[in-house]
C-alpha atoms as a PDB file:
ATOM      1  CA  MET A   1     -39.471 -97.141 -76.641  1.00  0.00           C
ATOM      2  CA  LYS A   2     -36.718 -95.719 -78.833  1.00  0.00           C
ATOM      3  CA  LYS A   3     -33.377 -97.404 -78.175  1.00  0.00           C
ATOM      4  CA  TYR A   4     -30.038 -95.676 -78.602  1.00  0.00           C
ATOM      5  CA  GLY A   5     -26.565 -96.470 -77.348  1.00  0.00           C
ATOM      6  CA  LEU A   6     -22.802 -96.505 -77.647  1.00  0.00           C
ATOM      7  CA  ILE A   7     -20.737 -99.415 -78.944  1.00  0.00           C
ATOM      8  CA  GLY A   8     -17.080-100.001 -78.164  1.00  0.00           C
ATOM      9  CA  LYS A   9     -14.765-102.472 -76.475  1.00  0.00           C
ATOM     10  CA  SER A  10     -14.339-100.821 -73.078  1.00  0.00           C
ATOM     11  CA  LEU A  11     -16.916 -98.241 -72.039  1.00  0.00           C
ATOM     12  CA  ALA A  12     -16.485 -97.729 -68.287  1.00  0.00           C
ATOM     13  CA  HIS A  13     -15.205 -94.203 -68.978  1.00  0.00           C
ATOM     14  CA  SER A  14     -18.259 -93.071 -70.953  1.00  0.00           C
ATOM     15  CA  TRP A  15     -20.431 -90.162 -69.821  1.00  0.00           C
ATOM     16  CA  SER A  16     -22.793 -90.557 -72.773  1.00  0.00           C
ATOM     17  CA  PRO A  17     -25.622 -92.355 -70.903  1.00  0.00           C
ATOM     18  CA  ALA A  18     -25.632 -89.655 -68.215  1.00  0.00           C
ATOM     19  CA  TRP A  19     -25.682 -86.916 -70.839  1.00  0.00           C
ATOM     20  CA  PHE A  20     -28.598 -88.423 -72.742  1.00  0.00           C
ATOM     21  CA  THR A  21     -30.517 -89.316 -69.573  1.00  0.00           C
ATOM     22  CA  ASP A  22     -30.231 -85.689 -68.469  1.00  0.00           C
ATOM     23  CA  LYS A  23     -31.366 -84.524 -71.895  1.00  0.00           C
ATOM     24  CA  PHE A  24     -34.382 -86.836 -71.817  1.00  0.00           C
ATOM     25  CA  GLU A  25     -35.375 -85.554 -68.367  1.00  0.00           C
ATOM     26  CA  ARG A  26     -34.911 -81.871 -69.280  1.00  0.00           C
ATOM     27  CA  GLU A  27     -36.937 -82.173 -72.466  1.00  0.00           C
ATOM     28  CA  GLY A  28     -39.625 -84.457 -71.075  1.00  0.00           C
ATOM     29  CA  ILE A  29     -38.715 -87.333 -73.412  1.00  0.00           C
ATOM     30  CA  THR A  30     -40.179 -90.472 -71.868  1.00  0.00           C
ATOM     31  CA  ASP A  31     -40.029 -92.906 -74.784  1.00  0.00           C
ATOM     32  CA  ALA A  32     -36.243 -93.149 -75.255  1.00  0.00           C
ATOM     33  CA  GLU A  33     -33.265 -94.805 -73.571  1.00  0.00           C
ATOM     34  CA  TYR A  34     -29.495 -94.717 -74.112  1.00  0.00           C
ATOM     35  CA  ARG A  35     -27.281 -97.624 -73.046  1.00  0.00           C
ATOM     36  CA  LEU A  36     -23.710 -98.873 -73.305  1.00  0.00           C
ATOM     37  CA  TYR A  37     -23.018-101.939 -75.445  1.00  0.00           C
ATOM     38  CA  GLU A  38     -19.553-103.419 -75.093  1.00  0.00           C
ATOM     39  CA  MET A  39     -18.495-105.634 -78.023  1.00  0.00           C
ATOM     40  CA  ASP A  40     -15.399-107.547 -79.064  1.00  0.00           C
ATOM     41  CA  THR A  41     -16.216-107.213 -82.764  1.00  0.00           C
ATOM     42  CA  VAL A  42     -18.653-105.456 -85.103  1.00  0.00           C
ATOM     43  CA  GLU A  43     -18.913-108.395 -87.493  1.00  0.00           C
ATOM     44  CA  HIS A  44     -22.466-109.101 -86.310  1.00  0.00           C
ATOM     45  CA  LEU A  45     -23.519-105.465 -86.181  1.00  0.00           C
ATOM     46  CA  ARG A  46     -26.687-105.796 -88.261  1.00  0.00           C
ATOM     47  CA  GLN A  47     -27.855-108.795 -86.230  1.00  0.00           C
ATOM     48  CA  TRP A  48     -27.292-106.842 -83.011  1.00  0.00           C
ATOM     49  CA  VAL A  49     -29.288-103.874 -84.359  1.00  0.00           C
ATOM     50  CA  GLU A  50     -32.199-106.098 -85.389  1.00  0.00           C
ATOM     51  CA  GLU A  51     -32.292-108.249 -82.254  1.00  0.00           C
ATOM     52  CA  ASN A  52     -32.159-105.252 -79.912  1.00  0.00           C
ATOM     53  CA  GLY A  53     -34.414-102.923 -81.898  1.00  0.00           C
ATOM     54  CA  ILE A  54     -31.757-100.209 -82.032  1.00  0.00           C
ATOM     55  CA  ASP A  55     -32.843 -96.868 -83.525  1.00  0.00           C
ATOM     56  CA  GLY A  56     -29.410 -95.224 -83.588  1.00  0.00           C
ATOM     57  CA  PHE A  57     -26.013 -95.552 -81.955  1.00  0.00           C
ATOM     58  CA  ASN A  58     -22.638 -93.945 -81.427  1.00  0.00           C
ATOM     59  CA  VAL A  59     -19.325 -95.652 -82.107  1.00  0.00           C
ATOM     60  CA  THR A  60     -16.088 -95.334 -80.164  1.00  0.00           C
ATOM     61  CA  ILE A  61     -12.659 -96.978 -79.871  1.00  0.00           C
ATOM     62  CA  PRO A  62     -11.707 -99.184 -81.648  1.00  0.00           C
ATOM     63  CA  PHE A  63     -14.620 -99.412 -84.083  1.00  0.00           C
ATOM     64  CA  LYS A  64     -14.813 -95.993 -85.793  1.00  0.00           C
ATOM     65  CA  GLU A  65     -13.028 -97.344 -88.847  1.00  0.00           C
ATOM     66  CA  GLN A  66     -13.882-101.034 -88.478  1.00  0.00           C
ATOM     67  CA  VAL A  67     -17.623-100.329 -88.680  1.00  0.00           C
ATOM     68  CA  LEU A  68     -17.481 -98.909 -92.220  1.00  0.00           C
ATOM     69  CA  PRO A  69     -17.829-102.188 -94.208  1.00  0.00           C
ATOM     70  CA  PHE A  70     -20.976-103.099 -92.262  1.00  0.00           C
ATOM     71  CA  LEU A  71     -22.924 -99.936 -93.131  1.00  0.00           C
ATOM     72  CA  ASP A  72     -25.232 -99.400 -96.096  1.00  0.00           C
ATOM     73  CA  ARG A  73     -24.218 -95.774 -96.640  1.00  0.00           C
ATOM     74  CA  VAL A  74     -21.991 -93.083 -95.181  1.00  0.00           C
ATOM     75  CA  ASP A  75     -22.451 -89.349 -95.571  1.00  0.00           C
ATOM     76  CA  ASP A  76     -19.931 -87.099 -97.283  1.00  0.00           C
ATOM     77  CA  VAL A  77     -18.109 -85.975 -94.132  1.00  0.00           C
ATOM     78  CA  ALA A  78     -17.740 -89.524 -92.811  1.00  0.00           C
ATOM     79  CA  ARG A  79     -16.503 -90.678 -96.220  1.00  0.00           C
ATOM     80  CA  ARG A  80     -13.875 -87.945 -96.366  1.00  0.00           C
ATOM     81  CA  VAL A  81     -12.796 -88.507 -92.769  1.00  0.00           C
ATOM     82  CA  GLY A  82     -12.757 -92.286 -93.181  1.00  0.00           C
ATOM     83  CA  ALA A  83     -14.371 -92.886 -89.793  1.00  0.00           C
ATOM     84  CA  VAL A  84     -17.882 -93.092 -88.355  1.00  0.00           C
ATOM     85  CA  ASN A  85     -18.956 -92.312 -84.796  1.00  0.00           C
ATOM     86  CA  CYS A  86     -22.724 -92.022 -85.307  1.00  0.00           C
ATOM     87  CA  VAL A  87     -25.038 -94.473 -87.081  1.00  0.00           C
ATOM     88  CA  GLU A  88     -28.609 -93.709 -88.043  1.00  0.00           C
ATOM     89  CA  VAL A  89     -30.989 -96.653 -88.456  1.00  0.00           C
ATOM     90  CA  ARG A  90     -33.795 -96.083 -90.954  1.00  0.00           C
ATOM     91  CA  GLN A  91     -36.065 -99.072 -91.703  1.00  0.00           C
ATOM     92  CA  GLY A  92     -33.146-101.449 -91.441  1.00  0.00           C
ATOM     93  CA  VAL A  93     -30.751 -99.240 -93.402  1.00  0.00           C
ATOM     94  CA  LEU A  94     -27.565 -98.268 -91.534  1.00  0.00           C
ATOM     95  CA  VAL A  95     -26.269 -94.792 -92.405  1.00  0.00           C
ATOM     96  CA  GLY A  96     -22.927 -93.641 -91.030  1.00  0.00           C
ATOM     97  CA  HIS A  97     -22.092 -90.079 -89.977  1.00  0.00           C
ATOM     98  CA  ASN A  98     -19.129 -88.365 -88.369  1.00  0.00           C
ATOM     99  CA  THR A  99     -20.056 -85.847 -85.685  1.00  0.00           C
ATOM    100  CA  ASP A 100     -16.537 -85.747 -84.217  1.00  0.00           C
ATOM    101  CA  ALA A 101     -15.286 -83.502 -87.018  1.00  0.00           C
ATOM    102  CA  PRO A 102     -17.871 -80.687 -86.757  1.00  0.00           C
ATOM    103  CA  ALA A 103     -17.882 -80.896 -82.956  1.00  0.00           C
ATOM    104  CA  PHE A 104     -14.093 -80.563 -82.850  1.00  0.00           C
ATOM    105  CA  ALA A 105     -14.130 -77.694 -85.340  1.00  0.00           C
ATOM    106  CA  GLU A 106     -16.775 -75.743 -83.430  1.00  0.00           C
ATOM    107  CA  THR A 107     -15.014 -76.118 -80.075  1.00  0.00           C
ATOM    108  CA  LEU A 108     -11.478 -75.511 -81.373  1.00  0.00           C
ATOM    109  CA  SER A 109     -12.136 -72.392 -83.463  1.00  0.00           C
ATOM    110  CA  PRO A 110     -12.716 -69.922 -80.583  1.00  0.00           C
ATOM    111  CA  LEU A 111      -9.440 -70.992 -78.953  1.00  0.00           C
ATOM    112  CA  LEU A 112      -7.126 -70.501 -81.909  1.00  0.00           C
ATOM    113  CA  ARG A 113      -4.663 -67.643 -82.020  1.00  0.00           C
ATOM    114  CA  PRO A 114      -2.778 -66.327 -85.084  1.00  0.00           C
ATOM    115  CA  TRP A 115       0.326 -68.351 -84.176  1.00  0.00           C
ATOM    116  CA  HIS A 116      -1.527 -71.695 -84.114  1.00  0.00           C
ATOM    117  CA  THR A 117      -0.642 -72.507 -87.706  1.00  0.00           C
ATOM    118  CA  HIS A 118       1.206 -75.791 -87.163  1.00  0.00           C
ATOM    119  CA  ALA A 119       0.004 -78.742 -85.114  1.00  0.00           C
ATOM    120  CA  LEU A 120       0.968 -82.129 -83.722  1.00  0.00           C
ATOM    121  CA  VAL A 121      -1.815 -84.714 -83.532  1.00  0.00           C
ATOM    122  CA  LEU A 122      -1.133 -87.547 -81.103  1.00  0.00           C
ATOM    123  CA  GLY A 123      -2.572 -90.808 -82.424  1.00  0.00           C
ATOM    124  CA  THR A 124      -3.583 -92.240 -85.790  1.00  0.00           C
ATOM    125  CA  GLY A 125      -7.012 -93.803 -85.117  1.00  0.00           C
ATOM    126  CA  GLY A 126     -10.550 -92.789 -86.031  1.00  0.00           C
ATOM    127  CA  ALA A 127     -10.608 -89.677 -83.848  1.00  0.00           C
ATOM    128  CA  SER A 128      -7.286 -88.606 -85.338  1.00  0.00           C
ATOM    129  CA  ARG A 129      -8.835 -88.833 -88.801  1.00  0.00           C
ATOM    130  CA  ALA A 130     -11.593 -86.413 -87.787  1.00  0.00           C
ATOM    131  CA  VAL A 131      -9.108 -83.987 -86.233  1.00  0.00           C
ATOM    132  CA  SER A 132      -6.873 -84.144 -89.314  1.00  0.00           C
ATOM    133  CA  TYR A 133      -9.854 -83.458 -91.575  1.00  0.00           C
ATOM    134  CA  VAL A 134     -10.731 -80.353 -89.555  1.00  0.00           C
ATOM    135  CA  LEU A 135      -7.170 -79.022 -89.387  1.00  0.00           C
ATOM    136  CA  GLU A 136      -6.755 -79.460 -93.125  1.00  0.00           C
ATOM    137  CA  GLY A 137      -9.976 -77.536 -93.707  1.00  0.00           C
ATOM    138  CA  MET A 138      -8.708 -74.734 -91.454  1.00  0.00           C
ATOM    139  CA  GLY A 139      -5.411 -74.539 -93.305  1.00  0.00           C
ATOM    140  CA  ILE A 140      -3.415 -75.708 -90.265  1.00  0.00           C
ATOM    141  CA  ASP A 141      -0.364 -77.786 -91.147  1.00  0.00           C
ATOM    142  CA  TYR A 142      -0.194 -80.941 -89.035  1.00  0.00           C
ATOM    143  CA  LEU A 143       1.887 -84.027 -88.372  1.00  0.00           C
ATOM    144  CA  LEU A 144       0.560 -87.232 -86.869  1.00  0.00           C
ATOM    145  CA  VAL A 145       2.495 -88.706 -83.955  1.00  0.00           C
ATOM    146  CA  SER A 146       2.639 -92.464 -83.399  1.00  0.00           C
ATOM    147  CA  ARG A 147       4.606 -94.889 -81.272  1.00  0.00           C
ATOM    148  CA  ASN A 148       4.994 -96.936 -84.464  1.00  0.00           C
ATOM    149  CA  PRO A 149       5.435 -94.467 -87.351  1.00  0.00           C
ATOM    150  CA  ALA A 150       6.961 -97.194 -89.576  1.00  0.00           C
ATOM    151  CA  GLY A 151       7.954 -94.747 -92.293  1.00  0.00           C
ATOM    152  CA  ARG A 152       4.387 -93.620 -93.010  1.00  0.00           C
ATOM    153  CA  ASN A 153       4.138 -90.285 -94.807  1.00  0.00           C
ATOM    154  CA  GLY A 154       3.169 -87.453 -92.452  1.00  0.00           C
ATOM    155  CA  VAL A 155       3.617 -89.649 -89.349  1.00  0.00           C
ATOM    156  CA  ILE A 156       6.483 -89.073 -86.927  1.00  0.00           C
ATOM    157  CA  SER A 157       7.687 -90.645 -83.683  1.00  0.00           C
ATOM    158  CA  TYR A 158       7.270 -89.112 -80.248  1.00  0.00           C
ATOM    159  CA  GLN A 159      10.998 -88.404 -80.169  1.00  0.00           C
ATOM    160  CA  GLN A 160      10.683 -86.445 -83.414  1.00  0.00           C
ATOM    161  CA  ALA A 161       7.595 -84.698 -82.036  1.00  0.00           C
ATOM    162  CA  GLU A 162       9.548 -83.416 -79.037  1.00  0.00           C
ATOM    163  CA  GLN A 163      12.065 -81.885 -81.441  1.00  0.00           C
ATOM    164  CA  ALA A 164       9.248 -80.182 -83.383  1.00  0.00           C
ATOM    165  CA  ILE A 165       7.138 -78.919 -80.480  1.00  0.00           C
ATOM    166  CA  SER A 166       8.784 -75.481 -80.299  1.00  0.00           C
ATOM    167  CA  SER A 167       7.441 -74.568 -83.745  1.00  0.00           C
ATOM    168  CA  ARG A 168       4.161 -76.508 -83.626  1.00  0.00           C
ATOM    169  CA  LEU A 169       2.114 -74.660 -81.062  1.00  0.00           C
ATOM    170  CA  LEU A 170      -1.131 -76.659 -81.310  1.00  0.00           C
ATOM    171  CA  LEU A 171      -1.050 -80.089 -79.672  1.00  0.00           C
ATOM    172  CA  VAL A 172      -4.103 -82.388 -79.918  1.00  0.00           C
ATOM    173  CA  ASN A 173      -4.384 -85.721 -78.110  1.00  0.00           C
ATOM    174  CA  THR A 174      -6.645 -88.227 -79.845  1.00  0.00           C
ATOM    175  CA  THR A 175      -5.287 -91.299 -78.035  1.00  0.00           C
ATOM    176  CA  PRO A 176      -6.969 -92.969 -75.017  1.00  0.00           C
ATOM    177  CA  VAL A 177      -3.836 -92.501 -72.898  1.00  0.00           C
ATOM    178  CA  GLY A 178      -4.854 -90.867 -69.618  1.00  0.00           C
ATOM    179  CA  MET A 179      -8.491 -91.903 -69.866  1.00  0.00           C
ATOM    180  CA  TYR A 180     -10.265 -93.312 -66.809  1.00  0.00           C
ATOM    181  CA  PRO A 181      -9.261 -95.518 -65.056  1.00  0.00           C
ATOM    182  CA  HIS A 182      -5.631 -94.831 -66.058  1.00  0.00           C
ATOM    183  CA  ILE A 183      -5.787 -91.238 -64.936  1.00  0.00           C
ATOM    184  CA  GLY A 184      -2.105 -90.963 -63.969  1.00  0.00           C
ATOM    185  CA  GLN A 185      -0.879 -91.546 -67.510  1.00  0.00           C
ATOM    186  CA  THR A 186      -0.086 -88.895 -70.109  1.00  0.00           C
ATOM    187  CA  PRO A 187       0.531 -89.180 -73.866  1.00  0.00           C
ATOM    188  CA  TRP A 188       2.985 -86.264 -73.788  1.00  0.00           C
ATOM    189  CA  PRO A 189       5.955 -87.035 -71.504  1.00  0.00           C
ATOM    190  CA  ASN A 190       7.770 -83.682 -71.718  1.00  0.00           C
ATOM    191  CA  ALA A 191       5.509 -80.933 -70.391  1.00  0.00           C
ATOM    192  CA  GLY A 192       8.595 -78.798 -69.866  1.00  0.00           C
ATOM    193  CA  ALA A 193       8.770 -78.278 -73.624  1.00  0.00           C
ATOM    194  CA  LEU A 194       5.416 -76.462 -73.623  1.00  0.00           C
ATOM    195  CA  SER A 195       4.993 -72.701 -73.338  1.00  0.00           C
ATOM    196  CA  SER A 196       2.350 -70.006 -72.913  1.00  0.00           C
ATOM    197  CA  ARG A 197       1.969 -69.908 -76.693  1.00  0.00           C
ATOM    198  CA  HIS A 198       0.921 -73.543 -76.885  1.00  0.00           C
ATOM    199  CA  LEU A 199      -2.703 -74.691 -77.056  1.00  0.00           C
ATOM    200  CA  CYS A 200      -3.244 -78.245 -75.838  1.00  0.00           C
ATOM    201  CA  TYR A 201      -6.549 -79.927 -76.669  1.00  0.00           C
ATOM    202  CA  ASP A 202      -7.330 -83.363 -75.212  1.00  0.00           C
ATOM    203  CA  LEU A 203     -10.321 -85.203 -76.672  1.00  0.00           C
ATOM    204  CA  ILE A 204     -10.585 -87.179 -73.422  1.00  0.00           C
ATOM    205  CA  TYR A 205     -13.348 -85.924 -71.107  1.00  0.00           C
ATOM    206  CA  ASN A 206     -13.025 -88.411 -68.227  1.00  0.00           C
ATOM    207  CA  PRO A 207     -11.165 -87.286 -66.203  1.00  0.00           C
ATOM    208  CA  ALA A 208     -11.369 -83.581 -66.884  1.00  0.00           C
ATOM    209  CA  PRO A 209      -8.752 -82.285 -66.829  1.00  0.00           C
ATOM    210  CA  THR A 210      -6.456 -85.165 -67.696  1.00  0.00           C
ATOM    211  CA  CYS A 211      -2.931 -85.511 -66.355  1.00  0.00           C
ATOM    212  CA  PHE A 212      -1.716 -84.242 -69.729  1.00  0.00           C
ATOM    213  CA  LEU A 213      -3.750 -81.045 -69.472  1.00  0.00           C
ATOM    214  CA  GLN A 214      -2.843 -80.474 -65.826  1.00  0.00           C
ATOM    215  CA  GLN A 215       0.844 -80.600 -66.691  1.00  0.00           C
ATOM    216  CA  ALA A 216       0.312 -78.434 -69.779  1.00  0.00           C
ATOM    217  CA  ALA A 217      -1.503 -75.796 -67.722  1.00  0.00           C
ATOM    218  CA  GLN A 218       1.297 -75.781 -65.157  1.00  0.00           C
ATOM    219  CA  ALA A 219       3.692 -75.069 -68.023  1.00  0.00           C
ATOM    220  CA  GLY A 220       1.568 -72.050 -68.963  1.00  0.00           C
ATOM    221  CA  ALA A 221      -0.176 -73.494 -72.013  1.00  0.00           C
ATOM    222  CA  ALA A 222      -3.825 -72.868 -72.846  1.00  0.00           C
ATOM    223  CA  VAL A 223      -5.830 -76.082 -72.428  1.00  0.00           C
ATOM    224  CA  CYS A 224      -9.169 -77.577 -73.450  1.00  0.00           C
ATOM    225  CA  ASP A 225     -10.638 -80.960 -72.504  1.00  0.00           C
ATOM    226  CA  GLY A 226     -13.156 -83.024 -74.446  1.00  0.00           C
ATOM    227  CA  ARG A 227     -16.344 -82.177 -72.561  1.00  0.00           C
ATOM    228  CA  ALA A 228     -17.594 -79.470 -74.905  1.00  0.00           C
ATOM    229  CA  MET A 229     -16.842 -81.667 -77.897  1.00  0.00           C
ATOM    230  CA  LEU A 230     -18.708 -84.584 -76.288  1.00  0.00           C
ATOM    231  CA  HIS A 231     -21.788 -82.428 -75.721  1.00  0.00           C
ATOM    232  CA  ARG A 232     -21.737 -81.042 -79.236  1.00  0.00           C
ATOM    233  CA  GLN A 233     -21.282 -84.375 -80.988  1.00  0.00           C
ATOM    234  CA  ALA A 234     -24.068 -85.853 -78.843  1.00  0.00           C
ATOM    235  CA  GLU A 235     -26.429 -83.071 -79.924  1.00  0.00           C
ATOM    236  CA  LEU A 236     -25.498 -83.642 -83.564  1.00  0.00           C
ATOM    237  CA  SER A 237     -26.091 -87.391 -83.150  1.00  0.00           C
ATOM    238  CA  TRP A 238     -29.545 -86.708 -81.736  1.00  0.00           C
ATOM    239  CA  ARG A 239     -30.363 -84.574 -84.774  1.00  0.00           C
ATOM    240  CA  PHE A 240     -29.382 -87.358 -87.160  1.00  0.00           C
ATOM    241  CA  TRP A 241     -31.475 -89.900 -85.262  1.00  0.00           C
ATOM    242  CA  ASN A 242     -34.527 -87.666 -85.277  1.00  0.00           C
ATOM    243  CA  GLN A 243     -34.338 -85.843 -88.616  1.00  0.00           C
END
């Protein structure tokens, strides 16, 4: 039996097991399983892989960056992004990949309009790194938004972001704010500042849509939740595990 899974601290929101179970059933795969593995730390990652016979796994908050020192290799995209969300296990060798970046790029591209040249990215974690990498490759100018900017270059406060939103018409949420079970929360408090020219992309897929996207849609903005990105990055993970 091939064993795959997702590691993170809190995984009650995850749809990954359901997605992979459906895939296994549709494709007649009977020798594989996908499970959730909640952890407080990744310090014993290799021991966990060996003891559980893990063949590959995904990585989510807050370990996308923390996992890097415990891997044997990372591919070029993951190295440039500085975050890993997919790990391939080959004869005890742990190889890190980043499927968030290509999945985000593929799902964002069809939605872009000529005026989406400047963006605000909410959050500064591992998912934000992947989004930033994609935007840079697309030639889209972006600023990161944090509750604690602390004078970091290219990082602004939410108050500053509200002042910039009229000229930055692409808004991407990479934070967990609004994720199940805290579905009444939103990372963007001023939906009234949004317009029909704005595109709001929320990487969260549970719930879909989030409170953030519901309010953005009511303001007339175009919206996209994280479901398509989830499906695409899962497919890419499967390819890495079975290449």
